[in-house]
């Protein structure tokens, strides 16, 4: 799956889920729906009741596992019939579909685990990118303060204010610290 695109990996996982749900018509129907909308499918380790569209599958090889083979939800409200769920989903053509699969099938379990790992790596990268963005904003604010302090120091009427050079040194120190943090974060981003 490492060489597969996210869309290909989703289709591969759905294909295996389809094989496991062949004997369960409602679940099999919904896997077909997901195939048609694979670009919107987001596999989740737990049922996401906050999602606009969500569904849960119980795809087990052992008969004794007492789980419902398929459940659908819209904004946390259960929709027990697959056709009603599809009808309700028609109004949400761009909404991601959160899919939770409970399974004892090893291959399906490993395919799902890879989706979760990929998502965690993506989440960590987005978090670092957000940190870089926040640091850049802090650098911009500090530069604005630094420029204002320089302007005040150049004003002949402000020469008597002895604290200005001290504030200027603090701003320079803060910019240096922010620059180091920014360089370190960029290095982490480049490595991931």
Protein backbone atom coordinates (compact mmCIF):
# COMPACT_ATOMS: atom_id res chain seq x y z
CA UNK A 1 0.00 0.00 0.00
CA UNK A 2 2.99 2.29 0.41
CA UNK A 3 3.27 2.59 -3.39
CA UNK A 4 -0.49 2.98 -3.89
CA UNK A 5 -2.25 6.31 -4.04
CA UNK A 6 -4.84 6.90 -1.35
CA UNK A 7 -7.63 6.31 -3.88
CA UNK A 8 -6.10 3.00 -5.02
CA UNK A 9 -5.59 1.91 -1.41
CA UNK A 10 -9.22 2.76 -0.63
CA UNK A 11 -10.43 0.73 -3.60
CA UNK A 12 -8.22 -2.21 -2.56
CA UNK A 13 -9.67 -2.13 0.96
CA UNK A 14 -13.22 -1.84 -0.38
CA UNK A 15 -12.62 -4.79 -2.74
CA UNK A 16 -11.65 -6.98 0.19
CA UNK A 17 -14.62 -5.73 2.22
CA UNK A 18 -16.88 -6.56 -0.76
CA UNK A 19 -15.64 -10.17 -0.72
CA UNK A 20 -16.43 -10.45 2.98
CA UNK A 21 -19.94 -8.98 2.64
CA UNK A 22 -21.13 -10.94 -0.42
CA UNK A 23 -23.55 -13.01 1.67
CA UNK A 24 -24.99 -9.90 3.39
CA UNK A 25 -27.01 -7.95 0.77
CA UNK A 26 -27.42 -4.64 2.68
CA UNK A 27 -23.72 -4.45 3.53
CA UNK A 28 -22.69 -5.55 0.03
CA UNK A 29 -24.96 -2.87 -1.49
CA UNK A 30 -23.29 -0.21 0.63
CA UNK A 31 -19.80 -1.37 -0.32
CA UNK A 32 -20.90 -0.89 -3.93
CA UNK A 33 -22.04 2.63 -3.07
CA UNK A 34 -18.66 3.32 -1.47
CA UNK A 35 -16.87 2.04 -4.58
CA UNK A 36 -18.77 4.63 -6.61
CA UNK A 37 -17.70 7.33 -4.14
CA UNK A 38 -14.24 6.02 -3.17
CA UNK A 39 -12.70 9.50 -3.29
CA UNK A 40 -14.93 10.53 -0.35
CA UNK A 41 -14.31 7.44 1.84
CA UNK A 42 -12.34 8.00 5.06
CA UNK A 43 -11.70 4.86 7.10
CA UNK A 44 -11.79 5.61 10.83
CA UNK A 45 -10.73 3.44 13.79
CA UNK A 46 -13.86 4.43 15.74
CA UNK A 47 -17.35 5.40 14.63
CA UNK A 48 -17.29 9.15 13.98
CA UNK A 49 -20.69 10.39 15.17
CA UNK A 50 -19.69 13.97 14.34
CA UNK A 51 -19.34 13.17 10.63
CA UNK A 52 -22.00 14.36 8.22
CA UNK A 53 -22.13 10.90 6.67
CA UNK A 54 -20.93 7.77 8.42
CA UNK A 55 -21.39 4.03 8.33
CA UNK A 56 -20.16 1.03 10.24
CA UNK A 57 -19.59 -2.49 8.97
CA UNK A 58 -19.27 -5.70 10.95
CA UNK A 59 -17.37 -7.99 8.57
CA UNK A 60 -16.43 -11.14 10.45
CA UNK A 61 -15.63 -14.61 9.26
CA UNK A 62 -16.78 -16.24 12.52
CA UNK A 63 -20.55 -16.55 12.83
CA UNK A 64 -20.59 -16.14 16.62
CA UNK A 65 -19.65 -12.43 16.50
CA UNK A 66 -22.98 -10.65 17.24
CA UNK A 67 -22.50 -7.39 15.34
CA UNK A 68 -24.85 -5.69 12.93
CA UNK A 69 -23.35 -6.13 9.44
CA UNK A 70 -24.11 -2.53 8.43
CA UNK A 71 -25.30 0.67 10.10
CA UNK A 72 -25.63 4.11 8.55
CA UNK A 73 -25.60 7.54 10.17
CA UNK A 74 -26.15 11.11 9.08
CA UNK A 75 -24.90 13.73 11.58
CA UNK A 76 -25.02 11.04 14.28
CA UNK A 77 -28.64 10.04 13.56
CA UNK A 78 -28.99 6.32 12.77
CA UNK A 79 -30.46 5.46 9.38
CA UNK A 80 -31.02 1.68 9.49
CA UNK A 81 -32.01 1.11 5.85
CA UNK A 82 -29.29 1.32 3.18
CA UNK A 83 -31.61 2.79 0.54
CA UNK A 84 -32.84 5.47 2.95
CA UNK A 85 -29.21 6.27 3.79
CA UNK A 86 -28.37 6.64 0.08
CA UNK A 87 -31.41 8.89 -0.40
CA UNK A 88 -30.39 11.03 2.58
CA UNK A 89 -26.79 11.20 1.29
CA UNK A 90 -27.90 12.64 -2.06
CA UNK A 91 -28.01 16.10 -0.48
CA UNK A 92 -24.37 15.77 0.62
CA UNK A 93 -22.50 15.05 -2.60
CA UNK A 94 -19.17 16.50 -1.41
CA UNK A 95 -19.27 15.38 2.23
CA UNK A 96 -16.62 12.82 3.23
CA UNK A 97 -17.99 9.45 4.31
CA UNK A 98 -16.52 8.18 7.58
CA UNK A 99 -16.36 4.37 7.50
CA UNK A 100 -15.62 2.19 10.49
CA UNK A 101 -15.06 -1.52 9.90
CA UNK A 102 -15.02 -4.10 12.67
CA UNK A 103 -13.40 -7.29 11.44
CA UNK A 104 -11.54 -10.40 12.46
CA UNK A 105 -10.13 -10.83 8.94
CA UNK A 106 -6.36 -10.36 9.11
CA UNK A 107 -5.89 -8.97 5.60
CA UNK A 108 -8.72 -6.46 5.96
CA UNK A 109 -7.41 -5.51 9.39
CA UNK A 110 -3.94 -4.81 8.00
CA UNK A 111 -5.38 -2.80 5.07
CA UNK A 112 -7.39 -0.69 7.52
CA UNK A 113 -4.38 -0.22 9.83
CA UNK A 114 -2.40 1.21 6.92
CA UNK A 115 -5.14 3.77 6.28
CA UNK A 116 -4.97 4.82 9.93
CA UNK A 117 -1.16 5.06 9.84
CA UNK A 118 -1.27 7.11 6.65
CA UNK A 119 -3.84 9.44 8.20
CA UNK A 120 -1.73 9.84 11.38
CA UNK A 121 1.32 10.74 9.30
CA UNK A 122 -0.78 13.24 7.35
CA UNK A 123 -2.20 14.69 10.57
CA UNK A 124 1.29 15.06 12.06
CA UNK A 125 2.51 16.79 8.90
CA UNK A 126 -0.48 19.18 8.90
CA UNK A 127 0.19 19.95 12.56
CA UNK A 128 3.83 20.83 11.77
CA UNK A 129 2.71 22.97 8.82
CA UNK A 130 0.32 24.81 11.15
CA UNK A 131 3.18 25.34 13.63
CA UNK A 132 5.34 26.76 10.82
CA UNK A 133 2.50 29.10 9.82
CA UNK A 134 2.06 30.29 13.43
CA UNK A 135 5.81 30.82 13.84
CA UNK A 136 5.93 32.86 10.64
CA UNK A 137 3.12 35.04 11.96
CA UNK A 138 5.05 35.55 15.21
CA UNK A 139 8.17 36.44 13.22
CA UNK A 140 6.14 38.98 11.19
CA UNK A 141 4.72 40.52 14.37
CA UNK A 142 8.16 40.68 15.97
CA UNK A 143 9.58 42.31 12.82
CA UNK A 144 6.80 44.91 12.94
CA UNK A 145 7.65 45.64 16.59
CA UNK A 146 11.36 45.77 15.74
CA UNK A 147 10.74 48.22 12.88
CA UNK A 148 8.60 50.44 15.11
CA UNK A 149 11.29 50.43 17.81
CA UNK A 150 13.94 51.39 15.23
CA UNK A 151 11.69 54.21 14.02
CA UNK A 152 11.21 55.44 17.60
CA UNK A 153 14.97 55.29 18.23
CA UNK A 154 15.60 57.39 15.12
CA UNK A 155 13.16 60.04 16.41
CA UNK A 156 15.22 62.85 18.01
CA UNK A 157 12.50 63.50 20.58
CA UNK A 158 12.68 59.88 21.85
CA UNK A 159 16.43 59.75 22.48
CA UNK A 160 15.82 60.31 26.15
CA UNK A 161 13.78 57.06 26.44
CA UNK A 162 16.42 54.69 27.85
CA UNK A 163 14.22 51.59 27.60
CA UNK A 164 13.99 51.61 23.79
CA UNK A 165 17.44 50.03 23.20
CA UNK A 166 16.57 47.36 25.79
CA UNK A 167 13.26 46.60 24.00
CA UNK A 168 15.11 46.52 20.67
CA UNK A 169 17.57 43.94 22.05
CA UNK A 170 14.64 41.85 23.36
CA UNK A 171 12.98 41.94 19.93
CA UNK A 172 16.24 40.86 18.24
CA UNK A 173 16.64 37.98 20.72
CA UNK A 174 13.02 36.91 20.18
CA UNK A 175 13.48 36.96 16.37
CA UNK A 176 16.61 34.81 16.67
CA UNK A 177 14.77 32.30 18.85
CA UNK A 178 11.80 32.16 16.45
CA UNK A 179 14.15 31.72 13.49
CA UNK A 180 15.82 28.73 15.18
CA UNK A 181 12.43 27.14 15.92
CA UNK A 182 11.30 27.77 12.35
CA UNK A 183 14.47 26.22 10.91
CA UNK A 184 14.06 23.14 13.12
CA UNK A 185 10.40 22.69 12.11
CA UNK A 186 11.21 23.09 8.43
CA UNK A 187 13.88 20.42 8.81
CA UNK A 188 11.31 18.06 10.35
CA UNK A 189 8.89 18.78 7.51
CA UNK A 190 11.54 18.07 4.90
CA UNK A 191 12.32 14.72 6.54
CA UNK A 192 8.69 13.58 6.69
